[in-house]
């Protein structure tokens, strides 16, 4: 089972072709955890390391006298990573002068966390963009749902149509219909706006929904009795345009994987 703050980047992107809104009816095969994690290769995360590539760890406050664990943060928004780096440079110039932002895939981040999950003095956190949290809160509030039940890492998808014809918004890529989950609500809205040019009646009835990344990942993995989850083979993830553009501009040819300090 995928969990929000334990664990869980090669940049590949989904080519946004013709957006359609069609019912999801075809069954799919259950996926293994490894196959699911491969879908996260195209999602960049940003972490802060020293000049040797070792991640800089912060402290997480805890109640009581227990020693706070160190925290390794994986940011989904490069601006948040930059703000944290700037703060480090101000408060600790000796460390900050050698610190840098490193781009990883979320899959790589998951592997790093998985290898270190037995270390009780280190915690891991994926930090969503503030704008995504606000978008998720707005959607939940508009649906009459408690805003304090925000997903740890929100992803956005769209449904459209009426009654039994209602389906998920899909994208066509290489002849395949994919169901996209966006990390930025504004990117999904832009896609819907484009869909209105071809399917105005359907697109106008489309509504953006929000869910937890980890719930989506769980739904894609084979169940204990190995029964397939319908259509999860077509699930794909779309990074925010902001993150994608940062990677295109800043990613070096090769980047060493981060390693936690002993």
Protein backbone atom coordinates (compact mmCIF):
# COMPACT_ATOMS: atom_id res chain seq x y z
CA UNK A 1 0.00 0.00 0.00
CA UNK A 2 1.24 3.46 -0.87
CA UNK A 3 1.46 5.84 2.07
CA UNK A 4 1.70 9.61 2.01
CA UNK A 5 4.76 10.52 4.01
CA UNK A 6 6.98 7.50 3.71
CA UNK A 7 7.94 7.08 0.54
CA UNK A 8 7.31 7.63 -2.52
CA UNK A 9 11.88 10.55 -10.81
CA UNK A 10 14.44 10.52 -16.59
CA UNK A 11 11.89 12.96 -17.42
CA UNK A 12 9.25 11.71 -19.80
CA UNK A 13 6.11 13.60 -20.61
CA UNK A 14 2.73 12.80 -21.98
CA UNK A 15 2.12 14.32 -25.36
CA UNK A 16 -1.18 16.08 -25.04
CA UNK A 17 -3.03 15.32 -28.23
CA UNK A 18 -6.79 15.40 -28.69
CA UNK A 19 -8.65 15.68 -25.39
CA UNK A 20 -11.84 13.66 -25.28
CA UNK A 21 -14.39 12.83 -22.65
CA UNK A 22 -15.55 9.25 -22.97
CA UNK A 23 -16.90 6.62 -20.60
CA UNK A 24 -14.35 4.23 -19.15
CA UNK A 25 -15.69 0.74 -19.70
CA UNK A 26 -12.92 -1.58 -20.87
CA UNK A 27 -11.37 -3.80 -18.18
CA UNK A 28 -7.65 -3.68 -17.49
CA UNK A 29 -5.13 -6.00 -15.92
CA UNK A 30 -3.92 -5.42 -12.38
CA UNK A 31 -0.45 -3.91 -12.18
CA UNK A 32 2.45 -4.78 -9.91
CA UNK A 33 3.89 -2.15 -7.59
CA UNK A 34 6.97 -1.84 -9.81
CA UNK A 35 4.80 -1.22 -12.89
CA UNK A 36 2.82 1.42 -11.03
CA UNK A 37 5.96 3.20 -9.90
CA UNK A 38 7.19 3.33 -13.50
CA UNK A 39 4.29 5.71 -14.16
CA UNK A 40 5.99 8.17 -11.79
CA UNK A 41 9.17 8.39 -13.85
CA UNK A 42 7.79 11.43 -15.63
CA UNK A 43 7.04 13.33 -12.41
CA UNK A 44 10.01 15.44 -11.29
CA UNK A 45 10.68 16.21 -7.66
CA UNK A 46 13.26 18.62 -6.32
CA UNK A 47 15.49 18.12 -3.31
CA UNK A 48 18.35 20.09 -1.80
CA UNK A 49 21.80 18.57 -1.49
CA UNK A 50 25.32 19.62 -0.61
CA UNK A 51 28.04 19.91 -3.25
CA UNK A 52 28.70 16.16 -3.04
CA UNK A 53 25.10 15.18 -3.65
CA UNK A 54 24.21 14.25 -0.08
CA UNK A 55 20.74 15.58 0.83
CA UNK A 56 20.42 18.33 3.40
CA UNK A 57 18.12 17.19 6.18
CA UNK A 58 15.91 19.41 8.28
CA UNK A 59 14.35 18.74 11.67
CA UNK A 60 10.71 17.86 12.23
CA UNK A 61 9.26 19.08 15.55
CA UNK A 62 7.70 16.41 17.74
CA UNK A 63 5.72 16.48 20.92
CA UNK A 64 7.36 15.43 24.15
CA UNK A 65 11.03 14.98 24.84
CA UNK A 66 11.68 12.64 21.95
CA UNK A 67 14.45 13.80 19.68
CA UNK A 68 13.01 15.25 16.45
CA UNK A 69 13.84 13.11 13.44
CA UNK A 70 15.62 14.57 10.47
CA UNK A 71 13.47 15.14 7.41
CA UNK A 72 14.30 14.77 3.75
CA UNK A 73 11.95 16.85 1.63
CA UNK A 74 10.99 16.17 -1.97
CA UNK A 75 9.32 19.25 -3.45
CA UNK A 76 6.87 19.03 -6.35
CA UNK A 77 7.22 22.76 -6.98
CA UNK A 78 10.74 23.99 -7.86
CA UNK A 79 9.83 27.45 -6.52
CA UNK A 80 9.29 25.97 -3.06
CA UNK A 81 12.64 24.20 -3.28
CA UNK A 82 14.30 27.48 -4.28
CA UNK A 83 12.64 29.32 -1.39
CA UNK A 84 13.95 26.69 1.03
CA UNK A 85 17.43 26.88 -0.48
CA UNK A 86 17.39 30.68 -0.15
CA UNK A 87 16.42 30.36 3.50
CA UNK A 88 19.30 27.93 4.12
CA UNK A 89 21.71 30.33 2.46
CA UNK A 90 20.56 33.12 4.76
CA UNK A 91 20.53 31.19 8.03
CA UNK A 92 23.58 29.02 7.41
CA UNK A 93 25.82 30.62 4.74
CA UNK A 94 28.58 28.03 5.17
CA UNK A 95 26.22 25.22 4.23
CA UNK A 96 24.03 27.22 1.90
CA UNK A 97 26.91 28.37 -0.27
CA UNK A 98 27.50 24.76 -1.32
CA UNK A 99 23.88 23.68 -1.47
CA UNK A 100 22.00 23.16 -4.71
CA UNK A 101 18.69 21.91 -6.05
CA UNK A 102 18.80 18.44 -7.57
CA UNK A 103 16.15 17.06 -9.90
CA UNK A 104 14.96 13.50 -9.41
CA UNK A 105 11.97 11.50 -10.55
CA UNK A 106 9.31 10.58 -8.03
CA UNK A 107 10.14 6.95 -8.74
CA UNK A 108 13.77 7.58 -7.75
CA UNK A 109 12.57 9.37 -4.62
CA UNK A 110 10.44 6.37 -3.71
CA UNK A 111 13.44 4.06 -4.08
CA UNK A 112 15.57 6.29 -1.84
CA UNK A 113 12.85 6.28 0.81
CA UNK A 114 12.25 2.56 0.52
CA UNK A 115 15.93 1.79 1.09
CA UNK A 116 15.96 3.96 4.21
CA UNK A 117 12.51 3.19 5.61
CA UNK A 118 13.93 1.31 8.59
CA UNK A 119 15.86 4.35 9.80
CA UNK A 120 13.77 5.75 12.62
CA UNK A 121 15.72 8.99 12.83
CA UNK A 122 14.88 10.02 9.27
CA UNK A 123 11.45 10.99 7.94
CA UNK A 124 10.51 11.64 4.33
CA UNK A 125 7.94 14.00 2.92
CA UNK A 126 6.67 14.84 -0.53
CA UNK A 127 5.73 18.52 -0.50
CA UNK A 128 2.97 19.53 -2.94
CA UNK A 129 2.76 23.01 -4.42
CA UNK A 130 0.85 25.50 -2.29
CA UNK A 131 -1.34 26.32 -5.29
CA UNK A 132 -2.36 22.66 -5.58
CA UNK A 133 -3.37 22.56 -1.93
CA UNK A 134 -5.45 25.70 -2.38
CA UNK A 135 -7.10 24.31 -5.52
CA UNK A 136 -7.92 21.08 -3.71
CA UNK A 137 -9.41 23.02 -0.79
CA UNK A 138 -11.56 25.10 -3.16
CA UNK A 139 -12.89 22.02 -4.96
CA UNK A 140 -13.72 20.19 -1.74
CA UNK A 141 -15.46 23.25 -0.32
CA UNK A 142 -17.56 23.68 -3.48
CA UNK A 143 -18.67 20.04 -3.14
CA UNK A 144 -19.68 20.50 0.47
CA UNK A 145 -16.86 18.31 1.69
CA UNK A 146 -14.72 19.18 4.72
CA UNK A 147 -11.69 21.16 3.59
CA UNK A 148 -9.64 19.71 6.45
CA UNK A 149 -9.70 16.35 4.63
CA UNK A 150 -7.21 17.55 2.06
CA UNK A 151 -5.16 14.88 0.24
CA UNK A 152 -1.52 14.82 1.31
CA UNK A 153 -0.55 15.03 -2.35
CA UNK A 154 -3.53 16.12 -4.45
CA UNK A 155 -3.98 15.14 -8.09
CA UNK A 156 -6.72 16.45 -10.35
CA UNK A 157 -8.85 14.67 -12.93
CA UNK A 158 -12.03 15.48 -14.82
CA UNK A 159 -15.37 13.84 -15.39
CA UNK A 160 -18.00 14.83 -17.92
CA UNK A 161 -21.20 13.78 -19.56
CA UNK A 162 -24.61 13.09 -18.07
CA UNK A 163 -25.95 10.21 -16.02
CA UNK A 164 -24.85 6.84 -17.43
CA UNK A 165 -22.83 8.53 -20.15
CA UNK A 166 -20.60 10.20 -17.60
CA UNK A 167 -16.96 9.31 -18.04
CA UNK A 168 -13.39 10.38 -17.37
CA UNK A 169 -11.58 12.88 -19.51
CA UNK A 170 -8.99 11.06 -21.58
CA UNK A 171 -6.09 11.94 -23.84
CA UNK A 172 -5.07 10.12 -26.99
CA UNK A 173 -1.40 9.24 -27.30
CA UNK A 174 -0.01 6.91 -29.95
CA UNK A 175 -3.48 5.59 -30.62
CA UNK A 176 -4.20 4.87 -26.95
CA UNK A 177 -6.70 6.54 -24.68
CA UNK A 178 -5.06 7.57 -21.41
CA UNK A 179 -6.70 8.86 -18.24
CA UNK A 180 -4.56 11.76 -16.98
CA UNK A 181 -4.14 12.85 -13.39
CA UNK A 182 -2.66 16.34 -13.16
CA UNK A 183 -0.53 17.73 -10.36
CA UNK A 184 -1.65 21.27 -11.25
CA UNK A 185 -5.35 22.07 -11.52
CA UNK A 186 -4.65 24.99 -13.87
CA UNK A 187 -2.99 22.69 -16.42
CA UNK A 188 -6.08 20.47 -16.44
CA UNK A 189 -8.34 23.50 -16.82
CA UNK A 190 -6.31 24.60 -19.85
CA UNK A 191 -6.83 21.18 -21.40
CA UNK A 192 -10.58 21.34 -20.83
CA UNK A 193 -10.68 24.81 -22.40
CA UNK A 194 -9.06 23.32 -25.51
CA UNK A 195 -11.51 20.42 -25.52
CA UNK A 196 -14.38 22.89 -25.74
CA UNK A 197 -13.32 23.71 -29.28
CA UNK A 198 -14.04 20.13 -30.39
CA UNK A 199 -16.67 18.93 -27.92
CA UNK A 200 -18.27 22.09 -26.54
CA UNK A 201 -21.41 20.41 -25.17
CA UNK A 202 -19.46 17.70 -23.35
CA UNK A 203 -16.61 19.91 -22.21
CA UNK A 204 -18.95 22.50 -20.76
CA UNK A 205 -20.42 19.82 -18.52
CA UNK A 206 -17.00 18.66 -17.38
CA UNK A 207 -16.09 19.04 -13.73
CA UNK A 208 -12.67 18.91 -12.16
CA UNK A 209 -12.30 16.55 -9.22
CA UNK A 210 -9.48 16.03 -6.75
CA UNK A 211 -8.17 12.93 -5.05
CA UNK A 212 -5.04 11.66 -3.34
CA UNK A 213 -2.08 10.51 -5.40
CA UNK A 214 -1.66 7.59 -3.05
CA UNK A 215 -5.26 6.46 -3.45
CA UNK A 216 -4.79 6.43 -7.22
CA UNK A 217 -1.59 4.41 -6.90
CA UNK A 218 -3.27 1.95 -4.56
CA UNK A 219 -6.13 1.48 -7.02
CA UNK A 220 -3.64 0.52 -9.72
CA UNK A 221 -1.91 -2.27 -7.81
CA UNK A 222 -3.10 -5.87 -7.92
CA UNK A 223 -5.35 -6.76 -5.02
CA UNK A 224 -4.67 -9.70 -2.72
CA UNK A 225 -6.86 -11.97 -4.82
CA UNK A 226 -5.19 -10.49 -7.93
CA UNK A 227 -8.43 -9.17 -9.39
CA UNK A 228 -7.81 -6.45 -11.99
CA UNK A 229 -8.91 -2.91 -11.27
CA UNK A 230 -10.90 -1.59 -14.24
CA UNK A 231 -9.03 0.76 -16.54
CA UNK A 232 -6.11 1.53 -14.27
CA UNK A 233 -3.70 0.51 -17.02
CA UNK A 234 -4.70 3.74 -18.73
CA UNK A 235 -3.93 5.94 -15.73
CA UNK A 236 -1.06 8.33 -16.30
CA UNK A 237 0.35 11.31 -14.44
CA UNK A 238 1.07 14.77 -15.79
CA UNK A 239 3.62 17.00 -14.03
CA UNK A 240 2.92 20.67 -13.56
CA UNK A 241 3.99 22.90 -16.42
CA UNK A 242 6.11 24.88 -13.96
CA UNK A 243 8.03 21.76 -12.90
CA UNK A 244 8.40 20.54 -16.49
CA UNK A 245 9.78 23.86 -17.71
CA UNK A 246 12.24 24.00 -14.81
CA UNK A 247 13.52 20.54 -15.68
CA UNK A 248 13.91 21.37 -19.36
CA UNK A 249 15.91 24.44 -18.41
CA UNK A 250 18.02 23.00 -15.61
CA UNK A 251 18.40 19.23 -15.86
CA UNK A 252 22.00 18.18 -16.57
CA UNK A 253 22.85 15.25 -18.79
CA UNK A 254 23.30 12.96 -15.79
CA UNK A 255 22.51 13.38 -12.11
CA UNK A 256 23.77 11.08 -9.34
CA UNK A 257 21.10 9.58 -7.08
CA UNK A 258 20.98 11.10 -3.58
CA UNK A 259 22.20 9.03 -0.68
CA UNK A 260 21.32 9.62 2.94
CA UNK A 261 24.13 10.18 5.37
CA UNK A 262 24.91 7.39 7.78
